[in-house]
Amino acid sequence: AAAAGGWRAGRARRRRRGRGEEEEEEEKDEEEEEEGGPGTEAVLRRLREARDDLLNSGFWAASAGAVRAPLSGPAEPPASCVCYGLGRFGRCPAARYQLAFLLLLLDELRVSIGAGGERRGQHRAGPRSRRPIPPQVPPARCALFDPAFSAREAAALRALGLCLLPENEEGKHGVEGSATLFYMVHCGKALYNNLLWSNWSPAALSKLVIIGNSFRGIEERLLSRILQRDYCYIAKVLKGVEEVALPSHPRYLDTFNDTSVHWFPLDKLQELSPEVWDCVEEPMYQDCEDLEIIRKGE
């Protein structure tokens, strides 16, 4: 069935596109941007093609286990979604695939569950399905922000039924009691650190699911003293997080590399030392040489 704005989650069409074609398309889009850019309908069409590619390549099917992992436990399922740092999906193939993945994920979370006790996110079709529950994360409860969005890209997002955050939160978004999925592929480390700080309690962190840069990878790549100094909330939560990596696929090495699904089981958080929760100082990054985020007002 067609969803808001022409997004269609039905059977994928067969389509192949080589890496060279993606690069050529990006250059072409840059030329179009100078002349006014592709219209909203063209952006939506390319987004549907990206969705088809994700389905036909098998990447979405291979990733489904990772994205369902947080939903298989006792934790409350996400009721809303926030997306940061998506980029120029109207002209950049990588950003477009990331948005298509997010929309497939929202479709997965919106699947109705029958009365027979199926796990959340598991499809069930046919006349035997009964008593569907309301959508878990409808498009209107998915909000996005990127200062780079063009007017046409913003219009395309609205056509899909999605929302735009009115200002740059710098990742400082409190969940306010409801479980929330944060989609932050290839964002700066400070955004993750700010998000953790904004929800720094076992009760709040247990309501977060984060799809973004691997926390394990951050730990492995940074010197311990830098991690502790600049991104202390990431450092302190490492023993309280569960992480499942998205699978590697030759078509999407640059698009989803180093991306994992993270969640924070309440029992693991409660096992951390009480001192972990004592420091709630807002991150300032005064000594950080490579902040990787755009500050509010910049």
Protein backbone atom coordinates (compact mmCIF):
# COMPACT_ATOMS: atom_id res chain seq x y z
CA ALA A 1 0.00 0.00 0.00
CA ALA A 2 1.15 3.53 -0.63
CA ALA A 3 2.18 5.55 2.37
CA ALA A 4 2.28 9.29 2.88
CA GLY A 5 3.85 11.27 0.07
CA GLY A 6 4.10 8.36 -2.33
CA TRP A 7 6.45 6.20 -0.26
CA ARG A 8 5.57 2.63 -1.16
CA ALA A 9 6.68 -0.31 0.96
CA GLY A 10 5.61 -2.98 -1.49
CA ARG A 11 7.68 -5.39 -3.57
CA ALA A 12 10.91 -3.97 -4.90
CA ARG A 13 11.64 -3.56 -8.58
CA ARG A 14 14.79 -5.03 -10.03
CA ARG A 15 17.39 -2.34 -10.49
CA ARG A 16 21.14 -2.27 -10.66
CA ARG A 17 23.42 0.69 -10.40
CA GLY A 18 27.17 0.69 -10.25
CA ARG A 19 29.30 2.83 -8.01
CA GLY A 20 30.43 4.91 -10.95
CA GLU A 21 26.85 5.73 -11.81
CA GLU A 22 26.25 6.94 -8.25
CA GLU A 23 29.24 9.27 -8.46
CA GLU A 24 28.10 10.53 -11.86
CA GLU A 25 24.62 11.13 -10.45
CA GLU A 26 26.02 13.18 -7.58
CA GLU A 27 27.95 15.39 -9.99
CA LYS A 28 24.83 15.78 -12.13
CA ASP A 29 22.77 16.71 -9.07
CA GLU A 30 25.30 19.38 -8.14
CA GLU A 31 24.79 20.92 -11.58
CA GLU A 32 21.01 20.69 -11.17
CA GLU A 33 21.27 22.32 -7.74
CA GLU A 34 22.90 25.35 -9.32
CA GLU A 35 20.01 25.55 -11.79
CA GLY A 36 17.34 25.13 -9.15
CA GLY A 37 17.73 21.44 -8.33
CA PRO A 38 15.47 18.46 -8.92
CA GLY A 39 11.80 18.90 -8.01
CA THR A 40 10.19 17.25 -5.03
CA GLU A 41 8.70 14.48 -7.18
CA ALA A 42 12.13 13.68 -8.62
CA VAL A 43 13.61 13.50 -5.11
CA LEU A 44 10.84 11.12 -4.02
CA ARG A 45 11.32 8.99 -7.13
CA ARG A 46 15.04 8.62 -6.46
CA LEU A 47 14.24 7.76 -2.87
CA ARG A 48 11.93 4.95 -4.00
CA GLU A 49 14.70 3.68 -6.28
CA ALA A 50 17.11 3.67 -3.33
CA ARG A 51 14.55 1.69 -1.33
CA ASP A 52 14.31 -0.84 -4.17
CA ASP A 53 18.10 -1.15 -4.24
CA LEU A 54 18.24 -1.85 -0.50
CA LEU A 55 15.60 -4.55 -0.85
CA ASN A 56 16.93 -6.17 -4.04
CA SER A 57 20.52 -6.22 -2.80
CA GLY A 58 19.50 -8.14 0.31
CA PHE A 59 21.00 -5.51 2.60
CA TRP A 60 17.73 -4.66 4.32
CA ALA A 61 16.90 -8.32 4.91
CA ALA A 62 20.39 -8.91 6.32
CA SER A 63 20.07 -5.85 8.58
CA ALA A 64 16.61 -6.67 9.92
CA GLY A 65 17.96 -8.89 12.69
CA ALA A 66 20.14 -6.07 14.02
CA VAL A 67 17.36 -3.47 14.01
CA ARG A 68 14.92 -5.88 15.65
CA ALA A 69 17.34 -6.85 18.42
CA PRO A 70 16.31 -4.09 20.86
CA LEU A 71 12.64 -4.95 20.25
CA SER A 72 12.96 -8.59 21.24
CA GLY A 73 13.53 -7.89 24.93
CA PRO A 74 11.33 -6.53 27.70
CA ALA A 75 12.12 -2.87 27.02
CA GLU A 76 9.41 -0.51 25.85
CA PRO A 77 9.39 -0.22 22.02
CA PRO A 78 10.14 3.20 20.50
CA ALA A 79 7.17 5.54 20.22
CA SER A 80 9.02 8.28 18.33
CA CYS A 81 12.12 8.81 16.21
CA VAL A 82 14.70 11.57 15.85
CA CYS A 83 17.14 11.74 12.94
CA TYR A 84 20.24 13.94 12.95
CA GLY A 85 22.86 14.67 10.30
CA LEU A 86 21.28 12.96 7.30
CA GLY A 87 22.85 15.26 4.74
CA ARG A 88 21.85 16.28 1.22
CA PHE A 89 19.79 13.25 0.21
CA GLY A 90 18.46 15.05 -2.86
CA ARG A 91 21.85 14.90 -4.54
CA CYS A 92 24.04 12.56 -2.44
CA PRO A 93 23.42 8.83 -3.01
CA ALA A 94 24.81 7.82 0.40
CA ALA A 95 22.44 10.16 2.24
CA ARG A 96 19.56 8.97 0.08
CA TYR A 97 20.24 5.32 0.94
CA GLN A 98 20.43 6.26 4.61
CA LEU A 99 17.03 7.96 4.41
CA ALA A 100 15.55 5.01 2.50
CA PHE A 101 16.86 2.70 5.24
CA LEU A 102 15.21 4.89 7.89
CA LEU A 103 11.88 4.75 6.07
CA LEU A 104 12.10 0.97 5.77
CA LEU A 105 12.86 0.88 9.48
CA LEU A 106 9.79 2.98 10.26
CA ASP A 107 7.72 0.62 8.11
CA GLU A 108 9.12 -2.26 10.16
CA LEU A 109 8.16 -0.55 13.41
CA ARG A 110 4.67 0.22 12.06
CA VAL A 111 3.86 -3.42 11.32
CA SER A 112 0.63 -4.44 13.04
CA ILE A 113 0.87 -7.26 15.55
CA GLY A 114 -1.81 -9.93 15.73
CA ALA A 115 -3.28 -11.34 18.91
CA GLY A 116 -1.23 -14.54 18.61
CA GLY A 117 1.76 -13.06 20.43
CA GLU A 118 4.10 -12.37 17.50
CA ARG A 119 7.28 -10.48 18.31
CA ARG A 120 7.26 -6.78 17.53
CA GLY A 121 8.53 -6.07 14.04
CA GLN A 122 7.54 -9.51 12.72
CA HIS A 123 5.33 -9.48 9.64
CA ARG A 124 2.06 -11.32 9.66
CA ALA A 125 -0.30 -11.17 6.69
CA GLY A 126 -3.51 -12.79 5.53
CA PRO A 127 -7.04 -13.21 6.82
CA ARG A 128 -5.90 -14.80 10.09
CA SER A 129 -4.34 -11.53 11.28
CA ARG A 130 -6.53 -9.82 13.85
CA ARG A 131 -6.69 -7.02 16.37
CA PRO A 132 -3.87 -4.87 14.97
CA ILE A 133 -2.34 -2.41 17.39
CA PRO A 134 -1.74 1.25 16.44
CA PRO A 135 1.47 2.14 14.59
CA GLN A 136 4.53 2.20 16.84
CA VAL A 137 6.25 5.13 15.12
CA PRO A 138 4.00 6.88 12.58
CA PRO A 139 5.76 9.32 10.21
CA ALA A 140 4.39 12.32 12.09
CA ARG A 141 6.38 11.21 15.15
CA CYS A 142 9.68 11.09 13.27
CA ALA A 143 11.53 14.41 13.36
CA LEU A 144 14.68 15.29 11.42
CA PHE A 145 17.27 18.04 11.50
CA ASP A 146 20.21 18.89 9.31
CA PRO A 147 21.20 22.51 8.63
CA ALA A 148 22.18 21.47 5.11
CA PHE A 149 18.65 20.50 3.99
CA SER A 150 17.54 22.42 0.90
CA ALA A 151 13.99 23.75 0.52
CA ARG A 152 13.16 20.91 -1.90
CA GLU A 153 14.53 18.30 0.49
CA ALA A 154 12.50 19.78 3.34
CA ALA A 155 9.42 19.68 1.11
CA ALA A 156 10.11 16.03 0.24
CA LEU A 157 10.36 15.13 3.93
CA ARG A 158 7.06 16.85 4.64
CA ALA A 159 5.48 15.06 1.67
CA LEU A 160 6.51 11.80 3.33
CA GLY A 161 4.63 12.88 6.45
CA LEU A 162 7.82 13.47 8.45
CA CYS A 163 8.54 16.46 10.68
CA LEU A 164 11.42 18.91 10.80
CA LEU A 165 12.90 20.03 14.09
CA PRO A 166 12.72 23.83 14.28
CA GLU A 167 16.25 24.37 15.61
CA ASN A 168 19.66 22.82 16.08
CA GLU A 169 19.49 20.81 19.31
CA GLU A 170 23.18 19.77 19.12
CA GLY A 171 21.89 16.30 20.02
CA LYS A 172 20.59 17.51 23.40
CA HIS A 173 17.22 15.81 23.17
CA GLY A 174 15.59 14.38 26.30
CA VAL A 175 13.26 11.44 25.80
CA GLU A 176 10.80 12.75 28.44
CA GLY A 177 9.51 9.36 29.48
CA SER A 178 8.77 7.79 26.08
CA ALA A 179 11.08 5.36 24.31
CA THR A 180 12.76 6.97 21.30
CA LEU A 181 14.79 5.74 18.35
CA PHE A 182 17.68 8.01 17.35
CA TYR A 183 18.97 7.60 13.80
CA MET A 184 22.42 9.21 13.60
CA VAL A 185 24.48 7.51 10.90
CA HIS A 186 28.02 8.96 10.62
CA CYS A 187 27.34 11.85 13.01
CA GLY A 188 30.02 13.55 15.07
CA LYS A 189 30.98 12.01 18.42
CA ALA A 190 29.82 15.10 20.30
CA LEU A 191 26.24 14.52 19.13
CA TYR A 192 26.18 11.07 20.73
CA ASN A 193 27.86 12.43 23.86
CA ASN A 194 25.32 15.27 24.11
CA LEU A 195 22.42 12.86 23.65
CA LEU A 196 23.68 10.64 26.46
CA TRP A 197 24.19 13.65 28.75
CA SER A 198 20.62 14.82 28.07
CA ASN A 199 19.31 11.45 29.26
CA TRP A 200 21.85 10.69 31.99
CA SER A 201 19.96 8.32 34.26
CA PRO A 202 19.28 4.57 34.05
CA ALA A 203 15.56 5.19 33.57
CA ALA A 204 16.04 7.57 30.64
CA LEU A 205 18.91 5.75 28.92
CA SER A 206 16.94 2.50 28.98
CA LYS A 207 14.41 4.20 26.69
CA LEU A 208 16.99 5.00 23.98
CA VAL A 209 17.80 3.06 20.85
CA ILE A 210 20.63 4.61 18.82
CA ILE A 211 21.51 3.63 15.26
CA GLY A 212 24.81 5.28 14.46
CA ASN A 213 28.57 5.10 14.80
CA SER A 214 29.78 2.07 16.72
CA PHE A 215 30.55 2.95 20.34
CA ARG A 216 33.06 0.09 20.36
CA GLY A 217 34.71 1.62 17.32
CA ILE A 218 34.90 5.01 19.01
CA GLU A 219 36.56 3.38 22.03
CA GLU A 220 39.06 1.53 19.84
CA ARG A 221 40.04 4.54 17.72
CA LEU A 222 40.39 7.20 20.41
CA LEU A 223 43.09 7.45 23.03
CA SER A 224 41.57 6.71 26.42
CA ARG A 225 42.48 10.13 27.82
CA ILE A 226 40.82 11.89 24.85
CA LEU A 227 37.68 9.78 25.20
CA GLN A 228 37.49 10.51 28.94
CA ARG A 229 38.19 14.22 28.51
CA ASP A 230 36.03 15.11 25.49
CA TYR A 231 33.36 12.41 25.39
CA CYS A 232 33.07 11.27 28.98
CA TYR A 233 29.43 10.17 28.72
CA ILE A 234 30.26 7.76 25.92
CA ALA A 235 33.19 6.49 28.00
CA LYS A 236 31.08 6.00 31.12
CA VAL A 237 28.24 4.13 29.41
CA LEU A 238 30.35 1.59 27.50
CA LYS A 239 29.78 -1.13 30.10
CA GLY A 240 26.03 -0.50 30.05
CA VAL A 241 25.34 -0.68 26.31
CA GLU A 242 24.41 -3.55 24.02
CA GLU A 243 25.55 -3.20 20.42
CA VAL A 244 24.87 -5.11 17.20
CA ALA A 245 26.66 -4.06 14.01
CA LEU A 246 24.88 -3.72 10.69
CA PRO A 247 26.21 -6.27 8.21
CA SER A 248 28.90 -5.37 5.71
CA HIS A 249 27.81 -5.20 2.08
CA PRO A 250 30.06 -4.35 -0.89
CA ARG A 251 27.49 -1.95 -2.33
CA TYR A 252 27.16 0.13 0.83
CA LEU A 253 30.64 0.14 2.36
CA ASP A 254 30.77 3.95 2.46
CA THR A 255 27.11 4.36 3.38
CA PHE A 256 26.70 2.17 6.46
CA ASN A 257 30.26 1.33 7.48
CA ASP A 258 30.92 1.36 11.24
CA THR A 259 27.16 1.57 11.93
CA SER A 260 25.62 -0.30 14.85
CA VAL A 261 22.34 -0.54 16.72
CA HIS A 262 22.78 0.40 20.40
CA TRP A 263 20.44 0.00 23.34
CA PHE A 264 20.81 0.24 27.10
CA PRO A 265 19.23 -2.56 29.17
CA LEU A 266 18.08 -1.26 32.53
CA ASP A 267 19.64 -4.14 34.45
CA LYS A 268 23.08 -3.44 32.93
CA LEU A 269 22.81 0.27 33.72
CA GLN A 270 21.85 -0.45 37.31
CA GLU A 271 24.97 -2.59 37.70
CA LEU A 272 27.25 0.38 36.99
CA SER A 273 28.96 2.10 39.88
CA PRO A 274 26.80 4.78 41.58
CA GLU A 275 29.60 7.29 40.94
CA VAL A 276 28.92 6.99 37.22
CA TRP A 277 25.69 8.92 37.67
CA ASP A 278 27.07 11.63 39.98
CA CYS A 279 28.60 13.83 37.27
CA VAL A 280 25.95 15.57 35.18
CA GLU A 281 28.01 18.52 33.94
CA GLU A 282 27.05 19.72 30.46
CA PRO A 283 29.73 18.95 27.85
CA MET A 284 31.54 22.07 26.62
CA TYR A 285 34.39 20.66 24.43
CA GLN A 286 36.73 23.54 25.22
CA ASP A 287 39.83 21.42 24.59
CA CYS A 288 38.40 19.39 21.71
CA GLU A 289 40.42 19.93 18.53
CA ASP A 290 38.01 18.20 16.13
CA LEU A 291 34.44 18.76 17.31
CA GLU A 292 32.69 17.36 14.19
CA ILE A 293 29.37 19.11 14.82
CA ILE A 294 27.75 22.40 13.86
CA ARG A 295 27.00 24.47 16.94
CA LYS A 296 23.65 26.11 17.48
CA GLY A 297 23.65 29.52 15.81
CA GLU A 298 26.55 28.78 13.47
